[in-house]
Amino acid sequence: MNNAEHISPLGRGLLNRRDFMRHTGLALGALGLADLLASDDPSAFSGKTPIRPDIDPDNPYAPRPPHFETAAKQVLVIFCPGAVSHVDTFDYKPELSKLHGQKAPFIPEVTFEGPPGNVAKPFWDFKPRGQSGKMTSDLLPHLGALADDFCFLHSLHTQTSAHPQGENFLHTGFTMEGFPSFGAWATYALGSVNAELPAFVAINDPRGLARSGKNNFGNGFLPASFQGTDFNAKNSPSNLNRPKAYSAADDRATNDLLQRLNSKHLERFPGDADLAARIASYELAGRMQTSVPAVMDVGNESESIQREYGTGEGSDLKREYAKNCIVARRLIEKGVRVVQLFNGSDPSGGNGITNWDSHSDILKTHSMQAEIMDQPTAALLRDLKRRGLLDNTLVVWCTEFGRMPFLQGNGTGRDHNPGAFTCFLAGAGVKKGFSFGQSDNFGFKAAVDPVSVYDFNATILHLMGLDHERLTYYHNGLERRLTNVHGRVVEGVLA
C-alpha cells in the first residue's frame, strides 16, 4: 500500500481524534483475538461456523420469511468501482461554473493524491430530464432519460478515501477484509426462490474483479453457502464444465452417487455447517449444469433486444457488458435473490482504462466508462420495468465515493471525495423522480440530510423486509451485523 493510502479522510495526513479512536479500537480487537486463541477451552475457537436455527444445513437456500412484508423480493446492485464523479453526472452545481478556474477558499491544502488545483465546472453540460425536470449531465444521456424512475441520494458520505477500503465499507460495513457482503447477509436472511440457480450471483466486469476482489461478494464469517457465485456472459462458472469423455447420462449417474456419499458423510458430522455448505454448493453446481447455460445464451434474444442493449455496437467492452446486463435481467426473471452487476475492475487486471478512477484526463476516462455503462444499463432498467419485474425488484446503482469539485494539481483529473457522493435507487418500495438530501453548493461535503453508508445499507435491508438491527450473526464473541452498531433507515426515500 502506498503512503497516500494512509492519508486521513480529511485529506491532511494528520491523525485526528476520530481516526485515533478507530485505529486504537482495531488494536484492542487484535489483543482480544490473541486472548481468545490462547484460551484453554478448545471450543472457544473451534473453526465451526454457527448457523441460524431456522436454516436447514442440508438446504441452506430454502426461502425464509423476512422480518416484515415489503414489495421488494429481489435486489439488483449495479456497482461502478473507481468513484463516479457526482458533480459531472447527477449532482448539478451551478456554483462551480461561477467559480471555474479559481482557487476557492473551501479547497483544502492537500487531498488524497496531494496539493489540489482550482475549481472546475462540470466537464459535461447538464439538462432537465423527464417530467420531474431533474438536471443530469450529457455524460449519461440514456440513464438521464429515466430520471423520473429514480430516487437519488445526494448526501452520501463515507469513512475512507482509499478504493479497496471504500469498496469494503460500501459492501460489508467495514473497511477491513473478512466481513460478509450485503448479498451474503440478504441471502443468509432470505434464502432463494430458485433451487436451480445460486441465491446470489456476482456478474463481474469483462476485465476482471474490482479492487477489493471477492470481498465485494464474499460471505466473510457467514456460512460458505452464502458467498456470491462469480460468473458473467463471457465466462461460466468453472465447476460446470463436464469432461468431454463423459456423456450427460454418465454425469448424472456420477452426481447421484456423490450425493449419496455426501449424505452419508454429513450424517457422521451433524451440525457441521461448513461441510453442509460445501455439499450444498456441489449439489447446486450439478443442477446449474443445465440451468446456467440456458441463462447465459444471450444470442437467442430478439434482434430488437440486442439493439436496445447494444450487444452489437460500440467497443468490445461495451458489447460484453451489454451481454452481462441481459444475463442480469434473466437471473432476476428466474428468481435469483441478489444479482450484483459490476461496471469496472481493478486497474492491475488489464491494460488501459479499467474503471471510473479519474485522477487525470477525466474527460477521456469518464467518457470511456460511460460509453460502456450508459446504454446497456438503461436498457436493463427499461426491460425490467416493461416486464413488470421492478414491481418486486429493488435496483441499487452505487459507487464507493465521489470526486472533488476542483481539479488535481495536474489540471485534468478530480481526486477522491469521501465527503459527498450520489447513488440512486429504483423499483420496489422507493419514490420515483425524487431527490433526497443535498451536498453543499460545490458538491464538496454532504450538507442537508446527510446519509452515511450505514444508513444506506440499513435502508436497502429495510426495503427487502429486513431490520438491520435484528439481522445479526454471533462471531468471535460479538453479535455482528452489516451496519455494525450504527445506521438508520432513510424514511424520506420510501414510497
Protein backbone atom coordinates (compact mmCIF):
# COMPACT_ATOMS: atom_id res chain seq x y z
CA MET A 1 0.00 0.00 0.00
CA ASN A 2 1.48 3.42 -0.86
CA ASN A 3 1.73 6.24 1.66
CA ALA A 4 -1.22 8.01 0.11
CA GLU A 5 -3.48 5.21 1.35
CA HIS A 6 -2.78 6.40 4.92
CA ILE A 7 -3.96 9.97 4.45
CA SER A 8 -6.90 10.71 6.69
CA PRO A 9 -10.40 11.19 5.24
CA LEU A 10 -9.95 14.93 5.89
CA GLY A 11 -7.04 14.86 3.47
CA ARG A 12 -4.38 16.42 5.74
CA GLY A 13 -2.22 13.41 6.58
CA LEU A 14 -2.79 14.11 10.32
CA LEU A 15 -4.31 11.62 12.74
CA ASN A 16 -7.42 13.29 14.13
CA ARG A 17 -9.28 12.13 17.24
CA ARG A 18 -11.78 10.01 15.30
CA ASP A 19 -9.01 8.22 13.39
CA PHE A 20 -7.07 7.68 16.65
CA MET A 21 -10.06 6.02 18.28
CA ARG A 22 -10.72 3.86 15.21
CA HIS A 23 -7.14 2.59 14.97
CA THR A 24 -6.91 2.10 18.75
CA GLY A 25 -10.09 0.03 18.60
CA LEU A 26 -8.51 -2.21 15.97
CA ALA A 27 -5.51 -2.78 18.20
CA LEU A 28 -7.70 -3.69 21.16
CA GLY A 29 -9.63 -6.10 18.95
CA ALA A 30 -6.37 -7.80 17.98
CA LEU A 31 -5.48 -8.21 21.66
CA GLY A 32 -8.88 -9.75 22.31
CA LEU A 33 -8.37 -12.21 19.47
CA ALA A 34 -4.96 -13.19 20.82
CA ASP A 35 -6.53 -13.88 24.21
CA LEU A 36 -9.25 -15.98 22.58
CA LEU A 37 -6.70 -18.03 20.67
CA ALA A 38 -4.76 -18.63 23.88
CA SER A 39 -7.81 -19.88 25.73
CA ASP A 40 -7.63 -23.30 27.36
CA ASP A 41 -11.14 -24.02 26.10
CA PRO A 42 -10.76 -25.73 22.69
CA SER A 43 -14.36 -24.86 21.82
CA ALA A 44 -13.60 -21.14 22.09
CA PHE A 45 -12.03 -21.23 18.62
CA SER A 46 -13.18 -24.46 17.09
CA GLY A 47 -13.40 -23.33 13.49
CA LYS A 48 -17.04 -24.48 13.44
CA THR A 49 -19.37 -21.99 11.83
CA PRO A 50 -22.60 -21.46 13.77
CA ILE A 51 -25.78 -21.42 11.76
CA ARG A 52 -29.23 -19.98 12.31
CA PRO A 53 -31.68 -22.46 13.89
CA ASP A 54 -34.20 -21.93 11.08
CA ILE A 55 -31.66 -22.73 8.34
CA ASP A 56 -31.51 -26.35 7.31
CA PRO A 57 -27.79 -27.12 6.67
CA ASP A 58 -28.90 -29.64 4.04
CA ASN A 59 -30.92 -26.96 2.24
CA PRO A 60 -29.43 -23.54 3.10
CA TYR A 61 -31.04 -21.85 0.09
CA ALA A 62 -34.65 -22.66 1.08
CA PRO A 63 -36.77 -19.48 1.10
CA ARG A 64 -37.24 -17.85 4.51
CA PRO A 65 -39.70 -15.12 5.50
CA PRO A 66 -38.48 -11.53 6.01
CA HIS A 67 -38.88 -9.69 9.28
CA PHE A 68 -41.82 -7.83 7.74
CA GLU A 69 -43.56 -7.87 4.36
CA THR A 70 -42.38 -5.45 1.67
CA ALA A 71 -42.72 -5.13 -2.08
CA ALA A 72 -39.07 -5.91 -2.85
CA LYS A 73 -38.32 -9.64 -3.00
CA GLN A 74 -35.08 -9.36 -5.03
CA VAL A 75 -32.33 -6.81 -5.41
CA LEU A 76 -30.12 -5.82 -8.34
CA VAL A 77 -26.95 -3.94 -7.34
CA ILE A 78 -25.15 -2.09 -10.13
CA PHE A 79 -21.72 -1.14 -8.79
CA CYS A 80 -19.33 1.24 -10.57
CA PRO A 81 -15.89 0.90 -8.93
CA GLY A 82 -13.40 3.73 -9.17
CA ALA A 83 -15.67 6.53 -7.88
CA VAL A 84 -18.05 8.15 -10.36
CA SER A 85 -17.90 11.94 -10.28
CA HIS A 86 -21.25 13.09 -8.88
CA VAL A 87 -20.63 16.69 -9.96
CA ASP A 88 -20.24 15.51 -13.57
CA THR A 89 -23.26 13.18 -13.65
CA PHE A 90 -26.25 13.60 -11.31
CA ASP A 91 -25.44 16.35 -8.76
CA TYR A 92 -25.89 19.69 -10.55
CA LYS A 93 -23.83 22.50 -9.02
CA PRO A 94 -24.09 25.78 -11.00
CA GLU A 95 -21.80 27.48 -8.46
CA LEU A 96 -18.91 25.53 -9.96
CA SER A 97 -19.36 27.32 -13.27
CA LYS A 98 -19.23 30.70 -11.48
CA LEU A 99 -16.00 29.76 -9.67
CA HIS A 100 -14.40 27.89 -12.58
CA GLY A 101 -10.62 28.33 -12.62
CA GLN A 102 -10.49 29.99 -9.21
CA LYS A 103 -8.69 28.96 -6.03
CA ALA A 104 -11.78 28.95 -3.81
CA PRO A 105 -11.38 29.22 -0.01
CA PHE A 106 -13.06 25.87 0.66
CA ILE A 107 -10.28 23.95 -1.15
CA PRO A 108 -8.03 22.15 1.38
CA GLU A 109 -4.24 22.30 1.23
CA VAL A 110 -3.92 18.63 0.34
CA THR A 111 -6.24 15.80 -0.71
CA PHE A 112 -5.74 12.09 -1.33
CA GLU A 113 -3.12 12.50 -4.08
CA GLY A 114 -1.53 15.75 -2.99
CA PRO A 115 -1.96 19.50 -3.42
CA PRO A 116 -5.08 20.32 -5.47
CA GLY A 117 -5.67 22.75 -8.29
CA ASN A 118 -8.57 25.11 -8.97
CA VAL A 119 -12.34 24.74 -9.08
CA ALA A 120 -13.59 23.10 -12.27
CA LYS A 121 -17.08 23.33 -13.72
CA PRO A 122 -18.70 20.07 -14.91
CA PHE A 123 -16.98 18.61 -17.94
CA TRP A 124 -20.41 17.88 -19.49
CA ASP A 125 -23.48 20.08 -19.82
CA PHE A 126 -26.49 19.45 -17.56
CA LYS A 127 -30.06 19.42 -18.86
CA PRO A 128 -33.50 18.91 -17.27
CA ARG A 129 -34.88 15.41 -17.87
CA GLY A 130 -38.38 13.99 -17.84
CA GLN A 131 -41.44 15.41 -16.13
CA SER A 132 -39.50 15.86 -12.91
CA GLY A 133 -37.04 18.19 -14.64
CA LYS A 134 -34.14 16.50 -12.90
CA MET A 135 -30.83 18.02 -14.00
CA THR A 136 -28.43 15.33 -15.22
CA SER A 137 -25.40 15.60 -17.47
CA ASP A 138 -24.90 14.65 -21.09
CA LEU A 139 -22.29 12.12 -19.97
CA LEU A 140 -25.10 9.62 -19.25
CA PRO A 141 -28.00 10.59 -21.53
CA HIS A 142 -29.64 7.14 -21.55
CA LEU A 143 -29.81 6.93 -17.76
CA GLY A 144 -30.72 10.60 -17.58
CA ALA A 145 -33.78 9.90 -19.73
CA LEU A 146 -35.02 7.55 -16.96
CA ALA A 147 -34.68 10.14 -14.18
CA ASP A 148 -38.41 10.01 -13.47
CA ASP A 149 -37.96 6.40 -12.31
CA PHE A 150 -35.06 7.09 -9.94
CA CYS A 151 -34.73 8.13 -6.33
CA PHE A 152 -31.41 9.98 -5.99
CA LEU A 153 -29.50 10.26 -2.72
CA HIS A 154 -27.21 13.29 -3.00
CA SER A 155 -25.90 13.48 0.56
CA LEU A 156 -24.00 10.23 0.91
CA HIS A 157 -20.64 10.27 2.69
CA THR A 158 -18.17 7.58 3.67
CA GLN A 159 -15.28 6.92 6.08
CA THR A 160 -12.38 6.45 3.69
CA SER A 161 -10.86 7.88 0.54
CA ALA A 162 -9.00 4.71 -0.50
CA HIS A 163 -10.60 2.46 -3.11
CA PRO A 164 -10.13 -1.02 -1.57
CA GLN A 165 -11.32 0.14 1.83
CA GLY A 166 -14.12 2.15 0.22
CA GLU A 167 -15.40 -0.90 -1.65
CA ASN A 168 -15.18 -2.99 1.51
CA PHE A 169 -17.05 -0.37 3.52
CA LEU A 170 -19.82 0.05 0.97
CA HIS A 171 -20.43 -3.69 0.61
CA THR A 172 -19.67 -5.01 4.10
CA GLY A 173 -19.95 -2.08 6.51
CA PHE A 174 -16.27 -2.37 7.45
CA THR A 175 -13.09 -1.05 5.83
CA MET A 176 -11.23 -4.24 6.78
CA GLU A 177 -11.47 -7.57 5.00
CA GLY A 178 -13.21 -10.67 6.29
CA PHE A 179 -16.76 -9.37 6.76
CA PRO A 180 -19.87 -10.57 4.89
CA SER A 181 -21.08 -8.62 1.90
CA PHE A 182 -24.59 -7.23 1.58
CA GLY A 183 -25.57 -10.02 -0.80
CA ALA A 184 -24.39 -12.66 1.67
CA TRP A 185 -26.39 -11.06 4.50
CA ALA A 186 -29.52 -10.88 2.33
CA THR A 187 -29.35 -14.48 1.15
CA TYR A 188 -28.46 -15.68 4.67
CA ALA A 189 -31.65 -13.99 5.87
CA LEU A 190 -33.99 -14.81 2.99
CA GLY A 191 -32.65 -17.81 1.09
CA SER A 192 -33.72 -18.19 -2.52
CA VAL A 193 -36.82 -18.96 -4.55
CA ASN A 194 -34.96 -20.80 -7.31
CA ALA A 195 -33.38 -24.15 -6.47
CA GLU A 196 -31.65 -24.44 -9.86
CA LEU A 197 -29.59 -21.25 -9.65
CA PRO A 198 -27.44 -19.61 -6.95
CA ALA A 199 -29.19 -17.34 -4.46
CA PHE A 200 -26.53 -14.67 -5.02
CA VAL A 201 -24.73 -14.05 -8.32
CA ALA A 202 -21.89 -11.57 -8.90
CA ILE A 203 -21.62 -10.66 -12.60
CA ASN A 204 -18.12 -9.29 -12.78
CA ASP A 205 -16.79 -6.84 -15.34
CA PRO A 206 -15.37 -8.42 -18.52
CA ARG A 207 -11.96 -7.04 -17.48
CA GLY A 208 -11.92 -8.87 -14.14
CA LEU A 209 -12.63 -8.27 -10.45
CA ALA A 210 -12.83 -4.86 -8.79
CA ARG A 211 -10.06 -3.76 -6.41
CA SER A 212 -11.48 -5.43 -3.33
CA GLY A 213 -11.97 -8.61 -5.33
CA LYS A 214 -14.22 -11.24 -3.83
CA ASN A 215 -14.70 -9.23 -0.64
CA ASN A 216 -17.36 -7.35 -2.59
CA PHE A 217 -19.46 -10.50 -2.78
CA GLY A 218 -17.87 -12.73 -0.14
CA ASN A 219 -19.53 -14.49 2.77
CA GLY A 220 -16.96 -13.44 5.38
CA PHE A 221 -17.74 -15.37 8.56
CA LEU A 222 -21.22 -16.37 7.41
CA PRO A 223 -21.63 -19.98 6.21
CA ALA A 224 -19.90 -20.54 2.89
CA SER A 225 -23.25 -21.26 1.22
CA PHE A 226 -23.97 -17.54 1.10
CA GLN A 227 -21.00 -16.25 -0.85
CA GLY A 228 -21.75 -14.87 -4.29
CA THR A 229 -21.26 -17.10 -7.32
CA ASP A 230 -18.92 -15.35 -9.73
CA PHE A 231 -19.61 -15.53 -13.45
CA ASN A 232 -20.50 -13.38 -16.45
CA ALA A 233 -21.73 -13.77 -20.02
CA LYS A 234 -18.18 -14.43 -21.21
CA ASN A 235 -17.07 -16.90 -18.55
CA SER A 236 -19.33 -19.51 -16.96
CA PRO A 237 -18.52 -20.97 -13.52
CA SER A 238 -15.54 -23.30 -13.96
CA ASN A 239 -17.12 -26.14 -11.97
CA LEU A 240 -19.90 -26.53 -14.55
CA ASN A 241 -17.70 -27.87 -17.32
CA ARG A 242 -18.27 -31.58 -17.91
CA PRO A 243 -15.26 -33.55 -19.18
CA LYS A 244 -15.70 -34.29 -22.88
CA ALA A 245 -15.21 -38.02 -22.29
CA TYR A 246 -18.34 -38.13 -20.09
CA SER A 247 -21.84 -38.28 -21.50
CA ALA A 248 -24.72 -36.42 -19.86
CA ALA A 249 -26.04 -39.76 -18.55
CA ASP A 250 -22.65 -40.62 -17.03
CA ASP A 251 -22.52 -37.20 -15.43
CA ARG A 252 -25.97 -37.61 -13.84
CA ALA A 253 -25.06 -41.05 -12.51
CA THR A 254 -21.85 -39.70 -11.02
CA ASN A 255 -23.69 -36.82 -9.35
CA ASP A 256 -26.27 -39.21 -7.90
CA LEU A 257 -23.51 -41.36 -6.42
CA LEU A 258 -21.75 -38.33 -4.97
CA GLN A 259 -24.98 -37.14 -3.41
CA ARG A 260 -25.46 -40.47 -1.65
CA LEU A 261 -21.87 -40.50 -0.41
CA ASN A 262 -22.07 -36.88 0.75
CA SER A 263 -25.30 -37.59 2.65
CA LYS A 264 -23.63 -40.48 4.46
CA HIS A 265 -20.62 -38.31 5.27
CA LEU A 266 -22.81 -35.49 6.61
CA GLU A 267 -24.62 -37.95 8.91
CA ARG A 268 -21.28 -38.59 10.64
CA PHE A 269 -20.81 -34.85 11.36
CA PRO A 270 -24.23 -33.41 12.24
CA GLY A 271 -24.31 -29.64 12.65
CA ASP A 272 -21.10 -29.00 10.70
CA ALA A 273 -22.28 -26.02 8.67
CA ASP A 274 -19.06 -25.74 6.65
CA LEU A 275 -19.37 -29.32 5.44
CA ALA A 276 -23.07 -28.84 4.74
CA ALA A 277 -22.27 -25.68 2.77
CA ARG A 278 -19.70 -27.48 0.61
CA ILE A 279 -22.10 -30.31 -0.12
CA ALA A 280 -24.93 -27.88 -0.92
CA SER A 281 -22.56 -26.00 -3.25
CA TYR A 282 -21.63 -29.17 -5.13
CA GLU A 283 -25.26 -30.20 -5.47
CA LEU A 284 -26.21 -26.76 -6.73
CA ALA A 285 -23.35 -26.91 -9.25
CA GLY A 286 -24.80 -30.17 -10.56
CA ARG A 287 -28.20 -28.54 -11.10
CA MET A 288 -26.53 -25.48 -12.65
CA GLN A 289 -25.06 -27.59 -15.43
CA THR A 290 -28.45 -27.45 -17.09
CA SER A 291 -29.85 -24.14 -15.76
CA VAL A 292 -26.90 -21.78 -16.28
CA PRO A 293 -26.14 -22.43 -19.98
CA ALA A 294 -29.73 -21.52 -20.85
CA VAL A 295 -29.46 -18.27 -18.86
CA MET A 296 -26.13 -17.31 -20.39
CA ASP A 297 -27.01 -17.92 -24.05
CA VAL A 298 -27.92 -14.32 -24.84
CA GLY A 299 -27.69 -14.97 -28.58
CA ASN A 300 -31.26 -16.22 -28.64
CA GLU A 301 -32.64 -12.82 -27.58
CA SER A 302 -34.65 -10.97 -30.23
CA GLU A 303 -32.91 -8.56 -32.57
CA SER A 304 -34.76 -5.63 -31.01
CA ILE A 305 -33.50 -6.55 -27.52
CA GLN A 306 -29.96 -6.90 -28.85
CA ARG A 307 -30.17 -3.42 -30.39
CA GLU A 308 -31.69 -1.92 -27.26
CA TYR A 309 -28.90 -3.24 -25.03
CA GLY A 310 -26.18 -2.57 -27.62
CA THR A 311 -24.68 -6.06 -27.85
CA GLY A 312 -23.53 -5.47 -31.43
CA GLU A 313 -22.23 -1.90 -31.36
CA GLY A 314 -19.54 0.20 -29.76
CA SER A 315 -16.38 -1.11 -28.13
CA ASP A 316 -15.77 -4.75 -27.32
CA LEU A 317 -16.11 -3.91 -23.62
CA LYS A 318 -19.48 -2.30 -24.18
CA ARG A 319 -20.74 -5.34 -26.09
CA GLU A 320 -19.57 -7.69 -23.33
CA TYR A 321 -21.08 -5.51 -20.61
CA ALA A 322 -24.35 -5.34 -22.57
CA LYS A 323 -24.47 -9.15 -22.57
CA ASN A 324 -23.87 -9.10 -18.82
CA CYS A 325 -26.87 -6.80 -18.47
CA ILE A 326 -29.05 -9.30 -20.34
CA VAL A 327 -27.78 -12.09 -18.06
CA ALA A 328 -28.69 -9.91 -15.06
CA ARG A 329 -32.24 -9.48 -16.33
CA ARG A 330 -32.57 -13.22 -16.93
CA LEU A 331 -31.34 -14.03 -13.42
CA ILE A 332 -33.87 -11.62 -11.95
CA GLU A 333 -36.54 -13.23 -14.12
CA LYS A 334 -35.55 -16.64 -12.75
CA GLY A 335 -35.96 -15.50 -9.15
CA VAL A 336 -32.31 -15.12 -8.08
CA ARG A 337 -32.44 -13.23 -4.78
CA VAL A 338 -29.40 -10.94 -5.22
CA VAL A 339 -27.74 -10.04 -8.52
CA GLN A 340 -24.68 -7.80 -8.40
CA LEU A 341 -23.51 -6.30 -11.69
CA PHE A 342 -20.06 -4.67 -11.91
CA ASN A 343 -19.01 -1.94 -14.35
CA GLY A 344 -15.27 -1.61 -13.79
CA SER A 345 -12.37 -3.70 -12.49
CA ASP A 346 -9.02 -3.50 -10.70
CA PRO A 347 -6.54 -1.33 -12.66
CA SER A 348 -3.98 -4.12 -12.38
CA GLY A 349 -6.34 -6.53 -14.10
CA GLY A 350 -5.73 -5.30 -17.64
CA ASN A 351 -4.31 -2.59 -19.88
CA GLY A 352 -5.70 0.89 -20.31
CA ILE A 353 -8.72 2.37 -18.53
CA THR A 354 -10.44 -0.22 -16.36
CA ASN A 355 -12.79 1.74 -14.08
CA TRP A 356 -14.12 5.17 -13.11
CA ASP A 357 -10.96 6.31 -11.30
CA SER A 358 -10.08 9.62 -12.97
CA HIS A 359 -7.01 11.27 -11.47
CA SER A 360 -6.03 12.56 -14.90
CA ASP A 361 -7.88 13.35 -18.11
CA ILE A 362 -11.35 12.81 -16.64
CA LEU A 363 -12.83 13.82 -19.98
CA LYS A 364 -11.31 10.70 -21.54
CA THR A 365 -11.64 8.26 -18.63
CA HIS A 366 -15.23 9.03 -17.68
CA SER A 367 -16.27 9.18 -21.34
CA MET A 368 -14.91 5.68 -21.95
CA GLN A 369 -16.64 4.22 -18.90
CA ALA A 370 -19.88 5.99 -19.76
CA GLU A 371 -19.81 4.55 -23.29
CA ILE A 372 -19.65 1.08 -21.76
CA MET A 373 -22.16 1.56 -18.96
CA ASP A 374 -24.86 4.04 -20.03
CA GLN A 375 -26.88 2.43 -22.85
CA PRO A 376 -26.82 -1.19 -21.59
CA THR A 377 -27.69 -0.22 -18.01
CA ALA A 378 -30.57 1.99 -19.13
CA ALA A 379 -31.81 -0.81 -21.40
CA LEU A 380 -31.68 -3.24 -18.48
CA LEU A 381 -33.79 -0.93 -16.29
CA ARG A 382 -36.32 -0.30 -19.08
CA ASP A 383 -36.53 -4.04 -19.76
CA LEU A 384 -37.14 -4.85 -16.08
CA LYS A 385 -39.87 -2.22 -15.95
CA ARG A 386 -41.51 -3.38 -19.19
CA ARG A 387 -41.68 -6.96 -17.90
CA GLY A 388 -43.16 -5.89 -14.56
CA LEU A 389 -40.05 -7.04 -12.68
CA LEU A 390 -39.50 -3.69 -10.96
CA ASP A 391 -42.71 -4.29 -9.01
CA ASN A 392 -40.81 -6.69 -6.74
CA THR A 393 -37.16 -5.85 -7.51
CA LEU A 394 -35.13 -3.11 -5.86
CA VAL A 395 -32.36 -1.60 -8.02
CA VAL A 396 -29.33 -0.01 -6.36
CA TRP A 397 -26.89 1.99 -8.51
CA CYS A 398 -23.80 2.86 -6.49
CA THR A 399 -20.12 3.76 -6.35
CA GLU A 400 -17.72 3.81 -3.37
CA PHE A 401 -17.33 7.62 -3.04
CA GLY A 402 -17.38 10.76 -5.16
CA ARG A 403 -14.86 13.08 -6.75
CA MET A 404 -13.73 16.58 -5.86
CA PRO A 405 -15.31 19.75 -7.29
CA PHE A 406 -11.82 21.04 -8.01
CA LEU A 407 -9.02 19.60 -10.13
CA GLN A 408 -5.83 17.91 -9.03
CA GLY A 409 -2.52 19.64 -9.46
CA ASN A 410 -2.25 18.17 -12.96
CA GLY A 411 -5.24 20.24 -14.07
CA THR A 412 -7.08 17.39 -15.81
CA GLY A 413 -8.41 14.99 -13.15
CA ARG A 414 -10.52 15.02 -9.99
CA ASP A 415 -9.34 13.45 -6.74
CA HIS A 416 -11.29 11.15 -4.37
CA ASN A 417 -14.07 12.75 -2.33
CA PRO A 418 -15.43 10.77 0.65
CA GLY A 419 -17.34 13.83 1.90
CA ALA A 420 -20.15 13.71 -0.68
CA PHE A 421 -21.34 11.45 -3.45
CA THR A 422 -24.52 10.34 -5.21
CA CYS A 423 -26.20 6.96 -5.67
CA PHE A 424 -29.73 6.14 -6.76
CA LEU A 425 -32.44 3.58 -6.05
CA ALA A 426 -35.25 2.42 -8.31
CA GLY A 427 -38.07 -0.08 -8.35
CA ALA A 428 -39.95 -1.69 -5.50
CA GLY A 429 -40.61 0.42 -2.45
CA VAL A 430 -38.88 3.71 -3.34
CA LYS A 431 -40.10 7.10 -4.51
CA LYS A 432 -39.84 7.92 -8.21
CA GLY A 433 -38.48 11.10 -9.76
CA PHE A 434 -37.26 12.17 -6.34
CA SER A 435 -34.05 13.57 -4.85
CA PHE A 436 -33.15 13.18 -1.19
CA GLY A 437 -30.53 15.22 0.65
CA GLN A 438 -28.08 17.73 -0.71
CA SER A 439 -24.38 18.25 -0.87
CA ASP A 440 -23.16 21.80 -0.32
CA ASN A 441 -23.15 24.39 -3.12
CA PHE A 442 -19.95 22.89 -4.51
CA GLY A 443 -20.59 19.16 -4.11
CA PHE A 444 -17.72 19.02 -1.60
CA LYS A 445 -19.50 17.89 1.61
CA ALA A 446 -22.88 16.34 2.47
CA ALA A 447 -24.91 19.28 3.78
CA VAL A 448 -28.66 18.58 4.03
CA ASP A 449 -29.91 15.27 5.48
CA PRO A 450 -26.50 13.52 5.39
CA VAL A 451 -26.68 9.78 4.68
CA SER A 452 -23.88 7.52 5.89
CA VAL A 453 -23.05 4.21 4.25
CA TYR A 454 -24.53 2.58 7.37
CA ASP A 455 -27.80 4.44 6.71
CA PHE A 456 -27.70 3.46 3.06
CA ASN A 457 -27.31 -0.24 3.85
CA ALA A 458 -29.92 -0.09 6.64
CA THR A 459 -32.37 1.38 4.11
CA ILE A 460 -31.65 -1.27 1.47
CA LEU A 461 -32.18 -4.04 4.04
CA HIS A 462 -35.41 -2.36 5.18
CA LEU A 463 -36.67 -2.27 1.60
CA MET A 464 -36.01 -6.03 1.48
CA GLY A 465 -38.11 -6.54 4.63
CA LEU A 466 -35.15 -6.86 6.99
CA ASP A 467 -34.47 -4.98 10.21
CA HIS A 468 -30.75 -4.16 10.15
CA GLU A 469 -30.60 -4.29 13.97
CA ARG A 470 -32.16 -7.76 14.11
CA LEU A 471 -30.16 -9.29 11.26
CA THR A 472 -27.15 -10.45 13.28
CA TYR A 473 -24.64 -13.28 13.45
CA TYR A 474 -22.67 -14.33 16.51
CA HIS A 475 -18.96 -14.36 15.69
CA ASN A 476 -15.92 -14.24 17.98
CA GLY A 477 -17.97 -13.13 20.98
CA LEU A 478 -19.89 -10.38 19.18
CA GLU A 479 -23.29 -10.12 17.55
CA ARG A 480 -22.17 -8.82 14.17
CA ARG A 481 -24.34 -7.05 11.62
CA LEU A 482 -23.97 -5.29 8.27
CA THR A 483 -24.34 -1.85 9.88
CA ASN A 484 -22.04 -2.56 12.84
CA VAL A 485 -23.57 -0.52 15.73
CA HIS A 486 -24.76 2.33 13.51
CA GLY A 487 -27.35 3.08 10.86
CA ARG A 488 -30.86 4.38 10.49
CA VAL A 489 -33.44 3.82 7.79
CA VAL A 490 -33.77 6.84 5.48
CA GLU A 491 -37.54 7.15 5.69
CA GLY A 492 -37.61 10.00 3.18
CA VAL A 493 -36.88 7.71 0.20
CA LEU A 494 -39.60 5.16 0.98
CA ALA A 495 -42.65 5.17 -1.28
